[in-house]
Every structure is written in C-alpha cells, then in structure tokens.
Amino acid sequence: MSPKEMFSIAGMLVMPMWILMMFLPKWKGTQVLIKFKIIPILLSLVYTIYIYQALQIGGMVDFGSLASVKELFTEDNAVLAGWVHYLAFDLLIGMWMLEENSKLNIHQFLLIPCLFATFMFGPLGYLLFTILKTIKKGKI
C-alpha cells in the first residue's frame, strides 16, 4: 500500500478513537479500546513496516544530526512513519490521561480541551492536563 493511502487510513483509524475518548470515555467500547491499546498497537505495526522500508531505501540515520534526520524525512515512507509515530504516541498520552482521570475525577468538560490539544498539538495537551492534575491534587 502506498504511503499516501496509508496516511489516509491512519487518520481514519485515530479520529473515531479521539471522538470516543472526548465524548464517550466511560462507554464500555471505549474502555476496551483503551485497556487493550488496540489502535496504538495497529499504528505501531504500520510504523514498523514503513520505517523499515524507509531505512531500506535511505540507510541508517544519524539521529544526533538535524541534517541527517531532515534527509530521512525527504522519503515518503519515513514521513509516513514519522506521522504515524505522532498519531500513536499522542493517542497513548490521551489514553493515559483518561486512565489517570479515573483516580482524579476531573470533569469531562475540562478534559475535552486537554484531549483535543493532545490530538492536535501533542505536548501542549499533556501540559494542560498536567496543570489540571496539579490543581486538582491541590498542589497549587
């Protein structure tokens, strides 16, 4: 499958999960998907395939050099792998937030912006959640 096709599939795979996590986090189906990390595992398999193909084409990369990493991301398989990497890890952070919230009981209305920011901007959503978590625990 081409990187372009897989890019679309990966996006279609994560979008419903984010919607479920934002609006139906306690639904049994959502909880099963979170507990078993089904979507991140599928994305990890996709990542493995495409990063392997990218390394076959471009050779091993010096991840200590910005120029080398930049060179890697001129190859479609590597760009796709990088994107899927973001999708998988952002989703795992969102799932972790919901798991943490089962102990914290932050209202879902406040979690939605954190989850949305994680989906769109990764670390920003994590930062927002960390601030909320700190406030909830009374450490500010």
C-alpha atoms as a PDB file:
ATOM      1  CA  MET A   1       0.000   0.000   0.000  1.00  0.00           C
ATOM      2  CA  SER A   2       1.335   3.432  -0.852  1.00  0.00           C
ATOM      3  CA  PRO A   3       2.303   5.891   1.895  1.00  0.00           C
ATOM      4  CA  LYS A   4      -0.423   8.236   0.613  1.00  0.00           C
ATOM      5  CA  GLU A   5      -3.123   5.560   1.044  1.00  0.00           C
ATOM      6  CA  MET A   6      -1.816   4.539   4.456  1.00  0.00           C
ATOM      7  CA  PHE A   7      -1.729   8.182   5.557  1.00  0.00           C
ATOM      8  CA  SER A   8      -5.491   8.395   4.946  1.00  0.00           C
ATOM      9  CA  ILE A   9      -6.180   5.080   6.663  1.00  0.00           C
ATOM     10  CA  ALA A  10      -4.148   6.048   9.732  1.00  0.00           C
ATOM     11  CA  GLY A  11      -6.082   9.288  10.046  1.00  0.00           C
ATOM     12  CA  MET A  12      -9.394   7.477   9.723  1.00  0.00           C
ATOM     13  CA  LEU A  13      -8.234   4.996  12.369  1.00  0.00           C
ATOM     14  CA  VAL A  14      -7.450   7.557  15.070  1.00  0.00           C
ATOM     15  CA  MET A  15     -10.259  10.068  14.561  1.00  0.00           C
ATOM     16  CA  PRO A  16     -13.078   7.851  15.945  1.00  0.00           C
ATOM     17  CA  MET A  17     -10.911   6.949  18.935  1.00  0.00           C
ATOM     18  CA  TRP A  18     -10.336  10.594  19.815  1.00  0.00           C
ATOM     19  CA  ILE A  19     -14.079  11.299  19.473  1.00  0.00           C
ATOM     20  CA  LEU A  20     -14.885   8.367  21.756  1.00  0.00           C
ATOM     21  CA  MET A  21     -12.309   9.494  24.315  1.00  0.00           C
ATOM     22  CA  MET A  22     -13.643  13.052  24.325  1.00  0.00           C
ATOM     23  CA  PHE A  23     -17.368  12.363  24.347  1.00  0.00           C
ATOM     24  CA  LEU A  24     -17.916   8.737  25.474  1.00  0.00           C
ATOM     25  CA  PRO A  25     -14.921   7.953  27.700  1.00  0.00           C
ATOM     26  CA  LYS A  26     -16.858   5.683  30.063  1.00  0.00           C
ATOM     27  CA  TRP A  27     -18.626   3.667  27.361  1.00  0.00           C
ATOM     28  CA  LYS A  28     -17.627   0.004  27.507  1.00  0.00           C
ATOM     29  CA  GLY A  29     -16.386   0.003  23.894  1.00  0.00           C
ATOM     30  CA  THR A  30     -14.135   2.983  24.557  1.00  0.00           C
ATOM     31  CA  GLN A  31     -12.836   1.366  27.716  1.00  0.00           C
ATOM     32  CA  VAL A  32     -11.951  -1.870  25.881  1.00  0.00           C
ATOM     33  CA  LEU A  33     -10.085   0.062  23.188  1.00  0.00           C
ATOM     34  CA  ILE A  34      -8.177   1.970  25.873  1.00  0.00           C
ATOM     35  CA  LYS A  35      -7.437  -1.047  28.057  1.00  0.00           C
ATOM     36  CA  PHE A  36      -6.012  -3.158  25.245  1.00  0.00           C
ATOM     37  CA  LYS A  37      -4.453  -0.228  23.324  1.00  0.00           C
ATOM     38  CA  ILE A  38      -5.836  -1.666  20.082  1.00  0.00           C
ATOM     39  CA  ILE A  39      -5.394   1.433  17.887  1.00  0.00           C
ATOM     40  CA  PRO A  40      -1.853   2.255  19.116  1.00  0.00           C
ATOM     41  CA  ILE A  41      -0.825  -1.369  18.518  1.00  0.00           C
ATOM     42  CA  LEU A  42      -2.167  -1.236  14.950  1.00  0.00           C
ATOM     43  CA  LEU A  43      -0.351   2.073  14.406  1.00  0.00           C
ATOM     44  CA  SER A  44       2.834   0.540  15.808  1.00  0.00           C
ATOM     45  CA  LEU A  45       2.639  -2.221  13.231  1.00  0.00           C
ATOM     46  CA  VAL A  46       2.157   0.344  10.454  1.00  0.00           C
ATOM     47  CA  TYR A  47       5.085   2.357  11.809  1.00  0.00           C
ATOM     48  CA  THR A  48       7.334  -0.699  11.871  1.00  0.00           C
ATOM     49  CA  ILE A  49       6.592  -1.538   8.246  1.00  0.00           C
ATOM     50  CA  TYR A  50       7.127   1.962   6.905  1.00  0.00           C
ATOM     51  CA  ILE A  51      10.201   2.855   8.966  1.00  0.00           C
ATOM     52  CA  TYR A  52      11.766  -0.427   7.862  1.00  0.00           C
ATOM     53  CA  GLN A  53      11.050   0.457   4.232  1.00  0.00           C
ATOM     54  CA  ALA A  54      12.437   3.967   4.723  1.00  0.00           C
ATOM     55  CA  LEU A  55      15.644   2.639   6.246  1.00  0.00           C
ATOM     56  CA  GLN A  56      15.982   0.133   3.398  1.00  0.00           C
ATOM     57  CA  ILE A  57      15.796   2.988   0.898  1.00  0.00           C
ATOM     58  CA  GLY A  58      17.824   5.605   2.758  1.00  0.00           C
ATOM     59  CA  GLY A  59      20.087   3.567   5.013  1.00  0.00           C
ATOM     60  CA  MET A  60      20.685   4.047   8.711  1.00  0.00           C
ATOM     61  CA  VAL A  61      20.256   7.550  10.067  1.00  0.00           C
ATOM     62  CA  ASP A  62      22.359   9.564  12.485  1.00  0.00           C
ATOM     63  CA  PHE A  63      19.615  10.730  14.836  1.00  0.00           C
ATOM     64  CA  GLY A  64      22.149  13.022  16.529  1.00  0.00           C
ATOM     65  CA  SER A  65      22.293  15.256  13.490  1.00  0.00           C
ATOM     66  CA  LEU A  66      19.443  17.517  12.418  1.00  0.00           C
ATOM     67  CA  ALA A  67      20.698  17.384   8.823  1.00  0.00           C
ATOM     68  CA  SER A  68      20.561  13.565   8.827  1.00  0.00           C
ATOM     69  CA  VAL A  69      17.041  13.476  10.267  1.00  0.00           C
ATOM     70  CA  LYS A  70      15.973  16.120   7.762  1.00  0.00           C
ATOM     71  CA  GLU A  71      17.406  13.981   4.971  1.00  0.00           C
ATOM     72  CA  LEU A  72      15.458  10.940   6.227  1.00  0.00           C
ATOM     73  CA  PHE A  73      12.218  12.919   6.041  1.00  0.00           C
ATOM     74  CA  THR A  74      12.624  13.571   2.342  1.00  0.00           C
ATOM     75  CA  GLU A  75      11.450   9.974   1.758  1.00  0.00           C
ATOM     76  CA  ASP A  76       7.664   9.325   1.758  1.00  0.00           C
ATOM     77  CA  ASN A  77       7.896   6.110   3.804  1.00  0.00           C
ATOM     78  CA  ALA A  78       9.847   7.930   6.505  1.00  0.00           C
ATOM     79  CA  VAL A  79       7.440  10.879   6.553  1.00  0.00           C
ATOM     80  CA  LEU A  80       4.528   8.478   6.940  1.00  0.00           C
ATOM     81  CA  ALA A  81       6.348   6.580   9.682  1.00  0.00           C
ATOM     82  CA  GLY A  82       7.015   9.863  11.476  1.00  0.00           C
ATOM     83  CA  TRP A  83       3.375  10.883  11.205  1.00  0.00           C
ATOM     84  CA  VAL A  84       2.157   7.508  12.459  1.00  0.00           C
ATOM     85  CA  HIS A  85       4.657   7.831  15.321  1.00  0.00           C
ATOM     86  CA  TYR A  86       2.971  11.107  16.317  1.00  0.00           C
ATOM     87  CA  LEU A  87      -0.510   9.619  15.970  1.00  0.00           C
ATOM     88  CA  ALA A  88       0.338   6.578  18.117  1.00  0.00           C
ATOM     89  CA  PHE A  89       2.118   8.405  20.906  1.00  0.00           C
ATOM     90  CA  ASP A  90      -0.370  11.279  21.108  1.00  0.00           C
ATOM     91  CA  LEU A  91      -3.147   8.690  21.337  1.00  0.00           C
ATOM     92  CA  LEU A  92      -1.306   6.829  24.090  1.00  0.00           C
ATOM     93  CA  ILE A  93      -0.966  10.078  26.049  1.00  0.00           C
ATOM     94  CA  GLY A  94      -4.696  10.738  25.610  1.00  0.00           C
ATOM     95  CA  MET A  95      -5.478   7.233  26.850  1.00  0.00           C
ATOM     96  CA  TRP A  96      -3.157   7.732  29.811  1.00  0.00           C
ATOM     97  CA  MET A  97      -4.979  10.978  30.664  1.00  0.00           C
ATOM     98  CA  LEU A  98      -8.287   9.126  30.848  1.00  0.00           C
ATOM     99  CA  GLU A  99      -6.736   6.353  32.929  1.00  0.00           C
ATOM    100  CA  GLU A 100      -5.287   8.962  35.309  1.00  0.00           C
ATOM    101  CA  ASN A 101      -8.617  10.728  35.449  1.00  0.00           C
ATOM    102  CA  SER A 102     -10.309   7.593  36.741  1.00  0.00           C
ATOM    103  CA  LYS A 103      -8.470   8.422  40.013  1.00  0.00           C
ATOM    104  CA  LEU A 104      -8.735  12.215  39.767  1.00  0.00           C
ATOM    105  CA  ASN A 105     -12.371  12.674  38.669  1.00  0.00           C
ATOM    106  CA  ILE A 106     -11.755  15.864  36.720  1.00  0.00           C
ATOM    107  CA  HIS A 107     -14.994  16.758  34.935  1.00  0.00           C
ATOM    108  CA  GLN A 108     -15.026  15.594  31.307  1.00  0.00           C
ATOM    109  CA  PHE A 109     -15.895  19.135  30.201  1.00  0.00           C
ATOM    110  CA  LEU A 110     -12.421  20.185  31.406  1.00  0.00           C
ATOM    111  CA  LEU A 111     -10.709  17.151  29.888  1.00  0.00           C
ATOM    112  CA  ILE A 112     -12.031  17.730  26.374  1.00  0.00           C
ATOM    113  CA  PRO A 113      -9.719  20.717  25.720  1.00  0.00           C
ATOM    114  CA  CYS A 114      -6.765  18.707  27.051  1.00  0.00           C
ATOM    115  CA  LEU A 115      -7.601  15.756  24.808  1.00  0.00           C
ATOM    116  CA  PHE A 116      -8.224  17.977  21.795  1.00  0.00           C
ATOM    117  CA  ALA A 117      -4.932  19.808  22.344  1.00  0.00           C
ATOM    118  CA  THR A 118      -3.126  16.470  22.664  1.00  0.00           C
ATOM    119  CA  PHE A 119      -4.686  15.293  19.416  1.00  0.00           C
ATOM    120  CA  MET A 120      -3.725  18.467  17.588  1.00  0.00           C
ATOM    121  CA  PHE A 121      -0.546  19.605  19.348  1.00  0.00           C
ATOM    122  CA  GLY A 122       0.682  16.660  21.459  1.00  0.00           C
ATOM    123  CA  PRO A 123       2.793  18.115  24.268  1.00  0.00           C
ATOM    124  CA  LEU A 124       0.529  21.157  24.682  1.00  0.00           C
ATOM    125  CA  GLY A 125      -2.374  18.892  25.664  1.00  0.00           C
ATOM    126  CA  TYR A 126      -0.150  16.974  28.049  1.00  0.00           C
ATOM    127  CA  LEU A 127       0.917  20.269  29.635  1.00  0.00           C
ATOM    128  CA  LEU A 128      -2.701  21.397  30.048  1.00  0.00           C
ATOM    129  CA  PHE A 129      -3.620  18.077  31.649  1.00  0.00           C
ATOM    130  CA  THR A 130      -0.612  18.258  33.974  1.00  0.00           C
ATOM    131  CA  ILE A 131      -1.716  21.725  35.105  1.00  0.00           C
ATOM    132  CA  LEU A 132      -5.276  20.487  35.714  1.00  0.00           C
ATOM    133  CA  LYS A 133      -3.986  17.437  37.556  1.00  0.00           C
ATOM    134  CA  THR A 134      -1.767  19.583  39.773  1.00  0.00           C
ATOM    135  CA  ILE A 135      -4.646  21.940  40.570  1.00  0.00           C
ATOM    136  CA  LYS A 136      -6.982  19.015  41.297  1.00  0.00           C
ATOM    137  CA  LYS A 137      -4.483  17.471  43.694  1.00  0.00           C
ATOM    138  CA  GLY A 138      -4.293  20.853  45.458  1.00  0.00           C
ATOM    139  CA  LYS A 139      -0.595  21.375  44.891  1.00  0.00           C
ATOM    140  CA  ILE A 140      -1.016  24.924  43.584  1.00  0.00           C
END
